[in-house]
Amino acid sequence: MADSFTLDTTPCGTVEVAYVVNGPIETNTYFVISGDEAVVIDPAWDGEELARSFAAAHPGVRIRAIVCTHGHADHVGGVAGLRKALPEIEYLLPAEDVATVETNIARQRTWGIETPDPGEPTRLVHEGDVITVGSARLQAIATPGHTPGGMVYFCAIDQGPIAFVGDTLFPGSHGRTDLAGGDEVAIIRSLRRLGQLLPSATSCLVGHGPSTTIERELATNPFMR
């Protein structure tokens, strides 16, 4: 069956991307800034401190939304604190990962990690949804496998395309599939689909560790061939 999803790769707007590595599993938390607006992607831990440090570094910029690539505890652990610090903020979670949050928080508890409950999302994300921030647009692409509802958020901007890939893609590899809801066949299908959909110049900002590009992964990642 043909892929009916259409990705808009026309450059639109500009962004600045800032990030911090935080939480017990060293998650990359990204701040996507455009004009006087920002969204935070995958706040891993201590959301109140994330809000304070961002405000100090970027006066006059309002964080309008939390956007999660998937429902694992190490990617939603800072949601509760951000919502406490910024009561008007939206919390966006992939629709298919609602059950994943509670399950994975319980799993991490067995590892000695207690994660604050993020609460109910204010918006559920489906493939094709667009999240605006200033002059830029984040387009949601469904990438099941690491979790049932995993999303990649693609942003075509004047500086060149970028994608926030969560734990779907790592340099030369992919996210683990041995946790509840993981599916090895699905994640490989998702990776190959990303290789077809995203421009080769796309910078891929990953959930843990260094970034990569689609061009590099098509050349070196065996799971994308």
N, C-alpha and C. Protein backbone atom coordinates (compact mmCIF):
# COMPACT_ATOMS: atom_id res chain seq x y z
N MET A 1 0.85 -1.20 0.00
CA MET A 1 0.00 0.00 0.00
C MET A 1 0.88 1.24 0.00
N ALA A 2 0.57 2.21 -0.84
CA ALA A 2 1.37 3.41 -0.95
C ALA A 2 1.24 4.26 0.30
N ASP A 3 2.32 4.98 0.60
CA ASP A 3 2.34 5.89 1.74
C ASP A 3 1.58 7.15 1.35
N SER A 4 0.47 7.44 2.03
CA SER A 4 -0.37 8.58 1.66
C SER A 4 0.05 9.86 2.36
N PHE A 5 1.01 9.78 3.27
CA PHE A 5 1.44 10.95 4.00
C PHE A 5 2.31 11.84 3.10
N THR A 6 2.03 13.13 3.11
CA THR A 6 2.81 14.08 2.32
C THR A 6 3.54 15.03 3.26
N LEU A 7 4.85 15.07 3.16
CA LEU A 7 5.66 15.95 3.99
C LEU A 7 5.96 17.23 3.22
N ASP A 8 5.75 18.37 3.86
CA ASP A 8 6.05 19.65 3.24
C ASP A 8 7.51 20.00 3.54
N THR A 9 8.34 19.97 2.52
CA THR A 9 9.77 20.25 2.70
C THR A 9 10.15 21.66 2.26
N THR A 10 9.15 22.51 2.00
CA THR A 10 9.42 23.89 1.61
C THR A 10 9.91 24.68 2.81
N PRO A 11 11.09 25.30 2.75
CA PRO A 11 11.59 26.06 3.90
C PRO A 11 10.62 27.17 4.31
N CYS A 12 10.41 27.28 5.62
CA CYS A 12 9.48 28.27 6.16
C CYS A 12 9.97 28.73 7.52
N GLY A 13 10.41 29.98 7.61
CA GLY A 13 10.80 30.54 8.90
C GLY A 13 12.20 30.16 9.33
N THR A 14 12.54 30.61 10.52
CA THR A 14 13.85 30.33 11.11
C THR A 14 13.65 29.90 12.56
N VAL A 15 14.61 29.13 13.06
CA VAL A 15 14.59 28.75 14.47
C VAL A 15 16.00 28.79 15.04
N GLU A 16 16.05 28.91 16.34
CA GLU A 16 17.27 28.66 17.11
C GLU A 16 16.98 27.45 17.98
N VAL A 17 17.90 26.51 18.03
CA VAL A 17 17.71 25.32 18.86
C VAL A 17 18.75 25.34 19.98
N ALA A 18 18.25 25.33 21.20
CA ALA A 18 19.11 25.19 22.38
C ALA A 18 18.80 23.83 23.01
N TYR A 19 19.75 23.28 23.74
CA TYR A 19 19.46 22.00 24.38
C TYR A 19 20.25 21.85 25.67
N VAL A 20 19.73 21.00 26.53
CA VAL A 20 20.43 20.60 27.75
C VAL A 20 20.33 19.08 27.85
N VAL A 21 21.32 18.49 28.47
CA VAL A 21 21.29 17.06 28.77
C VAL A 21 20.89 16.93 30.23
N ASN A 22 19.78 16.26 30.49
CA ASN A 22 19.31 16.20 31.87
C ASN A 22 18.60 14.89 32.16
N GLY A 23 18.37 14.65 33.44
CA GLY A 23 17.68 13.44 33.86
C GLY A 23 18.63 12.29 34.12
N PRO A 24 18.13 11.24 34.77
CA PRO A 24 18.97 10.10 35.17
C PRO A 24 19.47 9.26 34.01
N ILE A 25 18.90 9.42 32.81
CA ILE A 25 19.35 8.65 31.66
C ILE A 25 19.95 9.59 30.59
N GLU A 26 20.33 10.79 31.02
CA GLU A 26 21.01 11.75 30.15
C GLU A 26 20.27 11.96 28.83
N THR A 27 19.08 12.48 28.95
CA THR A 27 18.22 12.76 27.80
C THR A 27 18.52 14.14 27.25
N ASN A 28 18.47 14.27 25.94
CA ASN A 28 18.59 15.58 25.30
C ASN A 28 17.23 16.26 25.31
N THR A 29 17.14 17.37 26.01
CA THR A 29 15.93 18.20 26.03
C THR A 29 16.19 19.41 25.13
N TYR A 30 15.32 19.61 24.15
CA TYR A 30 15.53 20.67 23.16
C TYR A 30 14.53 21.81 23.36
N PHE A 31 15.02 23.04 23.13
CA PHE A 31 14.18 24.23 23.10
C PHE A 31 14.23 24.77 21.68
N VAL A 32 13.07 24.81 21.02
CA VAL A 32 12.98 25.31 19.65
C VAL A 32 12.41 26.72 19.73
N ILE A 33 13.22 27.70 19.36
CA ILE A 33 12.88 29.11 19.54
C ILE A 33 12.71 29.76 18.18
N SER A 34 11.61 30.47 18.00
CA SER A 34 11.37 31.23 16.78
C SER A 34 10.67 32.52 17.17
N GLY A 35 11.33 33.65 16.94
CA GLY A 35 10.77 34.92 17.37
C GLY A 35 10.68 34.97 18.89
N ASP A 36 9.51 35.30 19.38
CA ASP A 36 9.32 35.40 20.83
C ASP A 36 8.59 34.18 21.40
N GLU A 37 8.58 33.07 20.63
CA GLU A 37 7.94 31.83 21.09
C GLU A 37 8.93 30.68 21.11
N ALA A 38 8.61 29.70 21.93
CA ALA A 38 9.43 28.48 21.98
C ALA A 38 8.54 27.30 22.34
N VAL A 39 9.00 26.12 21.93
CA VAL A 39 8.44 24.87 22.45
C VAL A 39 9.60 24.08 23.03
N VAL A 40 9.31 23.27 24.03
CA VAL A 40 10.33 22.40 24.60
C VAL A 40 10.01 20.97 24.21
N ILE A 41 10.99 20.28 23.66
CA ILE A 41 10.81 18.91 23.20
C ILE A 41 11.50 17.95 24.16
N ASP A 42 10.72 17.02 24.69
CA ASP A 42 11.22 15.96 25.58
C ASP A 42 11.89 16.49 26.85
N PRO A 43 11.14 17.21 27.69
CA PRO A 43 11.70 17.65 28.97
C PRO A 43 11.89 16.45 29.89
N ALA A 44 13.13 16.12 30.17
CA ALA A 44 13.42 14.85 30.83
C ALA A 44 13.26 14.91 32.34
N TRP A 45 13.57 16.06 32.93
CA TRP A 45 13.69 16.08 34.39
C TRP A 45 13.63 17.51 34.90
N ASP A 46 13.17 17.69 36.13
CA ASP A 46 13.21 18.97 36.85
C ASP A 46 12.71 20.11 35.98
N GLY A 47 11.42 20.03 35.64
CA GLY A 47 10.83 21.02 34.75
C GLY A 47 10.85 22.43 35.29
N GLU A 48 10.76 22.59 36.61
CA GLU A 48 10.81 23.94 37.17
C GLU A 48 12.16 24.59 36.91
N GLU A 49 13.23 23.83 37.04
CA GLU A 49 14.56 24.37 36.74
C GLU A 49 14.72 24.62 35.25
N LEU A 50 14.16 23.76 34.40
CA LEU A 50 14.19 24.02 32.96
C LEU A 50 13.53 25.35 32.63
N ALA A 51 12.40 25.62 33.26
CA ALA A 51 11.70 26.89 33.02
C ALA A 51 12.53 28.08 33.50
N ARG A 52 13.12 27.96 34.68
CA ARG A 52 13.91 29.06 35.24
C ARG A 52 15.15 29.35 34.38
N SER A 53 15.88 28.32 34.04
CA SER A 53 17.12 28.53 33.28
C SER A 53 16.82 29.05 31.88
N PHE A 54 15.73 28.58 31.26
CA PHE A 54 15.38 29.08 29.94
C PHE A 54 15.02 30.56 30.01
N ALA A 55 14.22 30.95 30.99
CA ALA A 55 13.81 32.35 31.13
C ALA A 55 15.01 33.26 31.33
N ALA A 56 15.99 32.78 32.09
CA ALA A 56 17.19 33.58 32.33
C ALA A 56 18.02 33.75 31.05
N ALA A 57 18.09 32.69 30.25
CA ALA A 57 18.90 32.73 29.03
C ALA A 57 18.18 33.40 27.86
N HIS A 58 16.84 33.40 27.89
CA HIS A 58 16.07 33.91 26.75
C HIS A 58 14.95 34.84 27.24
N PRO A 59 15.30 35.99 27.81
CA PRO A 59 14.26 36.90 28.30
C PRO A 59 13.35 37.36 27.16
N GLY A 60 12.06 37.41 27.46
CA GLY A 60 11.09 37.86 26.46
C GLY A 60 10.58 36.76 25.56
N VAL A 61 11.10 35.53 25.71
CA VAL A 61 10.61 34.40 24.91
C VAL A 61 9.70 33.54 25.77
N ARG A 62 8.52 33.25 25.26
CA ARG A 62 7.52 32.47 26.01
C ARG A 62 7.52 31.02 25.53
N ILE A 63 7.67 30.08 26.46
CA ILE A 63 7.49 28.67 26.12
C ILE A 63 6.00 28.39 26.06
N ARG A 64 5.50 28.07 24.88
CA ARG A 64 4.06 27.91 24.72
C ARG A 64 3.60 26.46 24.78
N ALA A 65 4.53 25.51 24.58
CA ALA A 65 4.09 24.11 24.56
C ALA A 65 5.24 23.17 24.89
N ILE A 66 4.86 22.04 25.47
CA ILE A 66 5.73 20.88 25.65
C ILE A 66 5.34 19.89 24.57
N VAL A 67 6.33 19.40 23.82
CA VAL A 67 6.07 18.46 22.74
C VAL A 67 6.93 17.22 23.00
N CYS A 68 6.30 16.06 23.16
CA CYS A 68 7.05 14.84 23.46
C CYS A 68 7.09 13.93 22.23
N THR A 69 8.27 13.37 21.97
CA THR A 69 8.40 12.45 20.84
C THR A 69 7.78 11.10 21.14
N HIS A 70 7.76 10.73 22.43
CA HIS A 70 7.13 9.47 22.84
C HIS A 70 6.90 9.50 24.35
N GLY A 71 6.28 8.44 24.86
CA GLY A 71 5.79 8.46 26.22
C GLY A 71 6.67 7.83 27.27
N HIS A 72 7.95 7.61 26.99
CA HIS A 72 8.82 7.04 28.01
C HIS A 72 9.13 8.05 29.11
N ALA A 73 9.31 7.51 30.32
CA ALA A 73 9.47 8.37 31.49
C ALA A 73 10.65 9.32 31.37
N ASP A 74 11.73 8.89 30.71
CA ASP A 74 12.89 9.76 30.59
C ASP A 74 12.71 10.86 29.55
N HIS A 75 11.53 10.93 28.93
CA HIS A 75 11.22 12.01 28.00
C HIS A 75 10.04 12.85 28.47
N VAL A 76 9.39 12.44 29.54
CA VAL A 76 8.27 13.22 30.10
C VAL A 76 8.50 13.60 31.56
N GLY A 77 9.67 13.27 32.10
CA GLY A 77 9.90 13.47 33.53
C GLY A 77 9.88 14.91 33.98
N GLY A 78 10.10 15.86 33.06
CA GLY A 78 10.07 17.27 33.42
C GLY A 78 8.75 17.95 33.13
N VAL A 79 7.78 17.20 32.60
CA VAL A 79 6.50 17.81 32.22
C VAL A 79 5.78 18.39 33.43
N ALA A 80 5.71 17.64 34.52
CA ALA A 80 4.96 18.10 35.69
C ALA A 80 5.54 19.41 36.22
N GLY A 81 6.86 19.50 36.30
CA GLY A 81 7.48 20.72 36.80
C GLY A 81 7.27 21.91 35.90
N LEU A 82 7.35 21.70 34.59
CA LEU A 82 7.08 22.78 33.65
C LEU A 82 5.64 23.26 33.75
N ARG A 83 4.71 22.34 33.91
CA ARG A 83 3.29 22.73 34.02
C ARG A 83 3.04 23.48 35.33
N LYS A 84 3.80 23.15 36.36
CA LYS A 84 3.67 23.87 37.62
C LYS A 84 4.23 25.28 37.50
N ALA A 85 5.39 25.40 36.83
CA ALA A 85 6.03 26.70 36.68
C ALA A 85 5.31 27.59 35.66
N LEU A 86 4.72 26.97 34.64
CA LEU A 86 4.06 27.71 33.55
C LEU A 86 2.65 27.16 33.37
N PRO A 87 1.71 27.58 34.20
CA PRO A 87 0.37 26.96 34.21
C PRO A 87 -0.37 27.00 32.88
N GLU A 88 -0.05 27.94 31.99
CA GLU A 88 -0.77 28.05 30.72
C GLU A 88 -0.17 27.19 29.61
N ILE A 89 0.92 26.51 29.90
CA ILE A 89 1.62 25.76 28.86
C ILE A 89 0.79 24.55 28.41
N GLU A 90 0.87 24.24 27.10
CA GLU A 90 0.22 23.05 26.57
C GLU A 90 1.17 21.85 26.68
N TYR A 91 0.59 20.67 26.81
CA TYR A 91 1.37 19.43 26.86
C TYR A 91 0.86 18.51 25.76
N LEU A 92 1.71 18.25 24.77
CA LEU A 92 1.35 17.47 23.59
C LEU A 92 2.05 16.11 23.64
N LEU A 93 1.26 15.05 23.48
CA LEU A 93 1.77 13.68 23.55
C LEU A 93 1.20 12.88 22.38
N PRO A 94 1.99 12.03 21.74
CA PRO A 94 1.43 11.17 20.68
C PRO A 94 0.25 10.35 21.19
N ALA A 95 -0.80 10.31 20.40
CA ALA A 95 -2.05 9.68 20.83
C ALA A 95 -1.87 8.22 21.21
N GLU A 96 -1.03 7.50 20.47
CA GLU A 96 -0.87 6.07 20.72
C GLU A 96 0.03 5.76 21.91
N ASP A 97 0.57 6.80 22.55
CA ASP A 97 1.48 6.57 23.68
C ASP A 97 0.88 6.97 25.04
N VAL A 98 -0.41 7.22 25.09
CA VAL A 98 -1.01 7.60 26.36
C VAL A 98 -0.78 6.52 27.42
N ALA A 99 -1.01 5.25 27.07
CA ALA A 99 -0.83 4.16 28.03
C ALA A 99 0.65 3.90 28.33
N THR A 100 1.52 4.27 27.40
CA THR A 100 2.95 4.03 27.57
C THR A 100 3.50 4.77 28.77
N VAL A 101 2.99 5.96 29.04
CA VAL A 101 3.54 6.80 30.11
C VAL A 101 3.46 6.09 31.45
N GLU A 102 2.28 5.67 31.83
CA GLU A 102 2.11 5.02 33.13
C GLU A 102 2.93 3.73 33.22
N THR A 103 2.90 2.95 32.15
CA THR A 103 3.64 1.68 32.13
C THR A 103 5.14 1.90 32.32
N ASN A 104 5.68 2.90 31.62
CA ASN A 104 7.12 3.11 31.68
C ASN A 104 7.55 3.78 32.97
N ILE A 105 6.71 4.64 33.53
CA ILE A 105 7.02 5.21 34.85
C ILE A 105 7.13 4.09 35.87
N ALA A 106 6.20 3.12 35.81
CA ALA A 106 6.25 1.99 36.73
C ALA A 106 7.51 1.16 36.50
N ARG A 107 7.92 0.98 35.23
CA ARG A 107 9.13 0.23 34.92
C ARG A 107 10.35 0.92 35.51
N GLN A 108 10.45 2.23 35.34
CA GLN A 108 11.62 2.93 35.87
C GLN A 108 11.64 2.95 37.39
N ARG A 109 10.47 2.83 37.99
CA ARG A 109 10.42 2.75 39.46
C ARG A 109 11.16 1.52 39.95
N THR A 110 11.10 0.43 39.18
CA THR A 110 11.82 -0.78 39.57
C THR A 110 13.33 -0.60 39.43
N TRP A 111 13.75 0.42 38.69
CA TRP A 111 15.17 0.74 38.56
C TRP A 111 15.61 1.75 39.62
N GLY A 112 14.68 2.14 40.51
CA GLY A 112 14.99 3.12 41.53
C GLY A 112 14.82 4.56 41.09
N ILE A 113 14.12 4.78 39.97
CA ILE A 113 13.89 6.13 39.46
C ILE A 113 12.41 6.47 39.62
N GLU A 114 12.11 7.46 40.42
CA GLU A 114 10.73 7.89 40.64
C GLU A 114 10.45 9.11 39.76
N THR A 115 9.54 8.96 38.82
CA THR A 115 9.25 10.01 37.85
C THR A 115 7.93 10.70 38.17
N PRO A 116 7.90 12.03 38.24
CA PRO A 116 6.64 12.74 38.50
C PRO A 116 5.61 12.47 37.40
N ASP A 117 4.37 12.27 37.80
CA ASP A 117 3.28 12.05 36.85
C ASP A 117 3.07 13.32 36.03
N PRO A 118 3.15 13.23 34.69
CA PRO A 118 2.97 14.45 33.88
C PRO A 118 1.53 14.95 33.80
N GLY A 119 0.58 14.12 34.19
CA GLY A 119 -0.82 14.50 34.08
C GLY A 119 -1.37 14.25 32.68
N GLU A 120 -2.63 14.61 32.49
CA GLU A 120 -3.28 14.39 31.21
C GLU A 120 -2.78 15.38 30.16
N PRO A 121 -2.48 14.92 28.96
CA PRO A 121 -2.09 15.87 27.90
C PRO A 121 -3.24 16.79 27.52
N THR A 122 -2.88 18.00 27.10
CA THR A 122 -3.90 18.93 26.62
C THR A 122 -4.20 18.72 25.14
N ARG A 123 -3.31 18.01 24.43
CA ARG A 123 -3.53 17.74 23.01
C ARG A 123 -2.84 16.44 22.66
N LEU A 124 -3.53 15.58 21.94
CA LEU A 124 -2.96 14.34 21.44
C LEU A 124 -2.50 14.54 20.00
N VAL A 125 -1.30 14.07 19.70
CA VAL A 125 -0.70 14.30 18.39
C VAL A 125 -0.89 13.07 17.51
N HIS A 126 -1.29 13.33 16.27
CA HIS A 126 -1.43 12.30 15.25
C HIS A 126 -0.54 12.66 14.06
N GLU A 127 -0.20 11.66 13.24
CA GLU A 127 0.61 11.94 12.06
C GLU A 127 -0.07 13.00 11.20
N GLY A 128 0.75 13.91 10.70
CA GLY A 128 0.24 14.98 9.85
C GLY A 128 -0.09 16.24 10.61
N ASP A 129 -0.18 16.16 11.94
CA ASP A 129 -0.43 17.36 12.73
C ASP A 129 0.74 18.32 12.59
N VAL A 130 0.43 19.60 12.65
CA VAL A 130 1.45 20.64 12.56
C VAL A 130 1.42 21.46 13.84
N ILE A 131 2.59 21.66 14.42
CA ILE A 131 2.74 22.45 15.63
C ILE A 131 3.53 23.70 15.25
N THR A 132 2.93 24.86 15.40
CA THR A 132 3.59 26.09 15.01
C THR A 132 4.35 26.69 16.19
N VAL A 133 5.49 27.29 15.86
CA VAL A 133 6.26 28.04 16.85
C VAL A 133 6.87 29.22 16.11
N GLY A 134 6.42 30.42 16.42
CA GLY A 134 6.87 31.60 15.69
C GLY A 134 6.58 31.45 14.21
N SER A 135 7.62 31.58 13.39
CA SER A 135 7.47 31.48 11.94
C SER A 135 7.68 30.07 11.40
N ALA A 136 7.93 29.12 12.30
CA ALA A 136 8.28 27.77 11.88
C ALA A 136 7.15 26.78 12.17
N ARG A 137 7.27 25.59 11.56
CA ARG A 137 6.26 24.56 11.69
C ARG A 137 6.92 23.22 11.96
N LEU A 138 6.46 22.52 12.98
CA LEU A 138 6.90 21.16 13.26
C LEU A 138 5.83 20.21 12.72
N GLN A 139 6.23 19.29 11.81
CA GLN A 139 5.29 18.34 11.23
C GLN A 139 5.50 16.97 11.86
N ALA A 140 4.42 16.37 12.33
CA ALA A 140 4.50 15.09 13.03
C ALA A 140 4.49 13.92 12.04
N ILE A 141 5.47 13.03 12.21
CA ILE A 141 5.58 11.82 11.38
C ILE A 141 5.54 10.63 12.32
N ALA A 142 4.60 9.72 12.10
CA ALA A 142 4.48 8.53 12.95
C ALA A 142 5.65 7.58 12.71
N THR A 143 6.32 7.20 13.79
CA THR A 143 7.46 6.28 13.70
C THR A 143 7.37 5.23 14.81
N PRO A 144 6.38 4.35 14.75
CA PRO A 144 6.25 3.32 15.78
C PRO A 144 7.43 2.36 15.76
N GLY A 145 7.65 1.72 16.91
CA GLY A 145 8.70 0.73 17.02
C GLY A 145 9.38 0.79 18.37
N HIS A 146 9.95 1.94 18.71
CA HIS A 146 10.49 2.13 20.05
C HIS A 146 9.34 2.13 21.05
N THR A 147 8.29 2.83 20.70
CA THR A 147 6.99 2.78 21.40
C THR A 147 5.91 2.74 20.32
N PRO A 148 4.68 2.39 20.69
CA PRO A 148 3.62 2.32 19.68
C PRO A 148 3.32 3.67 19.02
N GLY A 149 3.48 4.76 19.76
CA GLY A 149 3.08 6.06 19.24
C GLY A 149 4.21 7.00 18.92
N GLY A 150 5.44 6.51 18.83
CA GLY A 150 6.58 7.39 18.61
C GLY A 150 6.39 8.32 17.43
N MET A 151 6.82 9.58 17.61
CA MET A 151 6.72 10.59 16.56
C MET A 151 8.09 11.21 16.31
N VAL A 152 8.33 11.55 15.06
CA VAL A 152 9.43 12.42 14.68
C VAL A 152 8.81 13.75 14.28
N TYR A 153 9.44 14.85 14.68
CA TYR A 153 8.95 16.18 14.35
C TYR A 153 9.92 16.84 13.38
N PHE A 154 9.45 17.04 12.15
CA PHE A 154 10.27 17.58 11.07
C PHE A 154 10.00 19.07 10.91
N CYS A 155 11.07 19.83 10.70
CA CYS A 155 10.94 21.28 10.57
C CYS A 155 11.76 21.74 9.37
N ALA A 156 11.09 22.18 8.32
CA ALA A 156 11.76 22.73 7.14
C ALA A 156 11.92 24.23 7.37
N ILE A 157 13.15 24.67 7.51
CA ILE A 157 13.42 26.08 7.82
C ILE A 157 14.47 26.63 6.87
N ASP A 158 14.64 27.95 6.91
CA ASP A 158 15.56 28.61 5.99
C ASP A 158 17.00 28.15 6.20
N GLN A 159 17.37 27.76 7.43
CA GLN A 159 18.75 27.32 7.70
C GLN A 159 19.03 25.90 7.21
N GLY A 160 18.00 25.18 6.80
CA GLY A 160 18.15 23.78 6.41
C GLY A 160 17.25 22.91 7.25
N PRO A 161 16.82 21.76 6.73
CA PRO A 161 15.84 20.93 7.45
C PRO A 161 16.42 20.28 8.70
N ILE A 162 15.58 20.19 9.74
CA ILE A 162 15.95 19.49 10.96
C ILE A 162 14.81 18.57 11.37
N ALA A 163 15.15 17.55 12.13
CA ALA A 163 14.13 16.62 12.63
C ALA A 163 14.50 16.22 14.05
N PHE A 164 13.50 16.24 14.92
CA PHE A 164 13.67 15.79 16.30
C PHE A 164 13.18 14.34 16.34
N VAL A 165 14.12 13.41 16.43
CA VAL A 165 13.80 12.01 16.18
C VAL A 165 13.62 11.17 17.44
N GLY A 166 13.74 11.79 18.62
CA GLY A 166 13.54 11.04 19.86
C GLY A 166 14.48 9.84 19.93
N ASP A 167 13.92 8.68 20.29
CA ASP A 167 14.71 7.45 20.39
C ASP A 167 14.46 6.50 19.22
N THR A 168 13.87 7.02 18.14
CA THR A 168 13.66 6.18 16.96
C THR A 168 14.98 5.91 16.24
N LEU A 169 15.80 6.95 16.10
CA LEU A 169 17.05 6.85 15.34
C LEU A 169 18.22 7.28 16.20
N PHE A 170 19.28 6.48 16.18
CA PHE A 170 20.57 6.85 16.74
C PHE A 170 21.63 6.67 15.66
N PRO A 171 22.75 7.37 15.77
CA PRO A 171 23.79 7.19 14.75
C PRO A 171 24.19 5.72 14.61
N GLY A 172 23.96 5.18 13.43
CA GLY A 172 24.31 3.79 13.15
C GLY A 172 23.40 2.76 13.77
N SER A 173 22.31 3.18 14.40
CA SER A 173 21.48 2.22 15.13
C SER A 173 20.05 2.76 15.28
N HIS A 174 19.33 2.20 16.25
CA HIS A 174 17.98 2.66 16.56
C HIS A 174 17.70 2.43 18.03
N GLY A 175 16.58 2.98 18.51
CA GLY A 175 16.20 2.82 19.91
C GLY A 175 15.84 1.38 20.25
N ARG A 176 15.94 1.07 21.52
CA ARG A 176 15.67 -0.30 21.96
C ARG A 176 14.21 -0.66 21.73
N THR A 177 13.97 -1.94 21.51
CA THR A 177 12.61 -2.42 21.25
C THR A 177 12.20 -3.52 22.22
N ASP A 178 12.98 -3.69 23.30
CA ASP A 178 12.69 -4.76 24.25
C ASP A 178 11.84 -4.32 25.43
N LEU A 179 11.42 -3.05 25.45
CA LEU A 179 10.51 -2.58 26.49
C LEU A 179 9.06 -2.78 26.04
N ALA A 180 8.14 -2.63 26.98
CA ALA A 180 6.72 -2.83 26.67
C ALA A 180 6.29 -1.96 25.49
N GLY A 181 5.67 -2.58 24.50
CA GLY A 181 5.20 -1.85 23.32
C GLY A 181 6.23 -1.74 22.22
N GLY A 182 7.47 -2.20 22.46
CA GLY A 182 8.49 -2.14 21.43
C GLY A 182 8.27 -3.17 20.34
N ASP A 183 8.71 -2.85 19.14
CA ASP A 183 8.47 -3.73 17.99
C ASP A 183 9.63 -3.55 17.02
N GLU A 184 10.49 -4.56 16.91
CA GLU A 184 11.69 -4.47 16.06
C GLU A 184 11.33 -4.32 14.60
N VAL A 185 10.35 -5.06 14.14
CA VAL A 185 9.96 -4.96 12.73
C VAL A 185 9.42 -3.56 12.44
N ALA A 186 8.62 -3.02 13.35
CA ALA A 186 8.03 -1.70 13.14
C ALA A 186 9.08 -0.61 13.11
N ILE A 187 10.09 -0.70 13.98
CA ILE A 187 11.08 0.39 14.01
C ILE A 187 11.94 0.38 12.75
N ILE A 188 12.25 -0.79 12.23
CA ILE A 188 13.01 -0.83 10.99
C ILE A 188 12.18 -0.27 9.84
N ARG A 189 10.91 -0.59 9.83
CA ARG A 189 10.01 -0.01 8.82
C ARG A 189 9.97 1.52 8.95
N SER A 190 9.92 2.00 10.19
CA SER A 190 9.89 3.44 10.42
C SER A 190 11.18 4.11 9.95
N LEU A 191 12.32 3.48 10.22
CA LEU A 191 13.60 4.05 9.80
C LEU A 191 13.70 4.12 8.28
N ARG A 192 13.28 3.08 7.61
CA ARG A 192 13.35 3.09 6.16
C ARG A 192 12.39 4.12 5.57
N ARG A 193 11.27 4.30 6.23
CA ARG A 193 10.32 5.33 5.78
C ARG A 193 10.92 6.72 5.95
N LEU A 194 11.60 6.95 7.08
CA LEU A 194 12.25 8.24 7.29
C LEU A 194 13.29 8.50 6.20
N GLY A 195 14.02 7.46 5.82
CA GLY A 195 15.01 7.61 4.77
C GLY A 195 14.41 8.01 3.44
N GLN A 196 13.16 7.63 3.22
CA GLN A 196 12.47 7.99 1.99
C GLN A 196 11.82 9.37 2.08
N LEU A 197 11.30 9.71 3.25
CA LEU A 197 10.54 10.95 3.41
C LEU A 197 11.42 12.18 3.59
N LEU A 198 12.46 12.06 4.41
CA LEU A 198 13.22 13.24 4.80
C LEU A 198 14.31 13.57 3.80
N PRO A 199 14.53 14.86 3.54
CA PRO A 199 15.65 15.25 2.67
C PRO A 199 16.97 14.74 3.24
N SER A 200 17.90 14.38 2.37
CA SER A 200 19.16 13.81 2.84
C SER A 200 19.94 14.78 3.72
N ALA A 201 19.73 16.08 3.54
CA ALA A 201 20.46 17.08 4.32
C ALA A 201 19.87 17.29 5.71
N THR A 202 18.81 16.57 6.05
CA THR A 202 18.15 16.79 7.34
C THR A 202 19.07 16.47 8.50
N SER A 203 19.23 17.44 9.40
CA SER A 203 19.94 17.22 10.66
C SER A 203 18.99 16.53 11.63
N CYS A 204 19.41 15.41 12.17
CA CYS A 204 18.57 14.62 13.07
C CYS A 204 19.05 14.81 14.50
N LEU A 205 18.22 15.43 15.32
CA LEU A 205 18.54 15.70 16.72
C LEU A 205 17.92 14.58 17.55
N VAL A 206 18.75 13.79 18.16
CA VAL A 206 18.33 12.52 18.76
C VAL A 206 18.04 12.68 20.25
N GLY A 207 17.42 11.65 20.82
CA GLY A 207 17.02 11.69 22.22
C GLY A 207 18.16 11.54 23.20
N HIS A 208 19.22 10.87 22.80
CA HIS A 208 20.38 10.67 23.66
C HIS A 208 21.63 10.69 22.78
N GLY A 209 22.63 11.43 23.17
CA GLY A 209 23.88 11.41 22.44
C GLY A 209 23.93 12.39 21.28
N PRO A 210 24.92 12.20 20.38
CA PRO A 210 25.17 13.18 19.32
C PRO A 210 24.17 13.10 18.18
N SER A 211 24.08 14.22 17.47
CA SER A 211 23.18 14.30 16.32
C SER A 211 23.80 13.61 15.11
N THR A 212 22.98 13.49 14.06
CA THR A 212 23.45 12.88 12.83
C THR A 212 22.67 13.51 11.67
N THR A 213 22.81 12.98 10.49
CA THR A 213 22.05 13.44 9.33
C THR A 213 21.46 12.23 8.61
N ILE A 214 20.42 12.47 7.85
CA ILE A 214 19.82 11.40 7.06
C ILE A 214 20.84 10.87 6.04
N GLU A 215 21.59 11.77 5.42
CA GLU A 215 22.59 11.34 4.45
C GLU A 215 23.58 10.37 5.07
N ARG A 216 24.07 10.70 6.26
CA ARG A 216 25.04 9.84 6.93
C ARG A 216 24.43 8.49 7.28
N GLU A 217 23.19 8.52 7.76
CA GLU A 217 22.56 7.26 8.18
C GLU A 217 22.23 6.37 7.00
N LEU A 218 21.84 6.96 5.87
CA LEU A 218 21.59 6.14 4.69
C LEU A 218 22.86 5.46 4.22
N ALA A 219 24.00 6.09 4.48
CA ALA A 219 25.27 5.52 4.03
C ALA A 219 25.83 4.51 5.02
N THR A 220 25.51 4.66 6.32
CA THR A 220 26.23 3.87 7.33
C THR A 220 25.33 3.04 8.24
N ASN A 221 24.04 3.34 8.32
CA ASN A 221 23.16 2.66 9.27
C ASN A 221 22.54 1.44 8.61
N PRO A 222 22.88 0.25 9.05
CA PRO A 222 22.36 -0.96 8.38
C PRO A 222 20.86 -1.10 8.49
N PHE A 223 20.24 -0.46 9.49
CA PHE A 223 18.79 -0.58 9.66
C PHE A 223 18.01 0.33 8.72
N MET A 224 18.68 1.22 8.00
CA MET A 224 18.00 2.11 7.08
C MET A 224 18.21 1.68 5.63
N ARG A 225 18.95 0.61 5.39
CA ARG A 225 19.22 0.19 4.01
C ARG A 225 18.11 -0.70 3.48
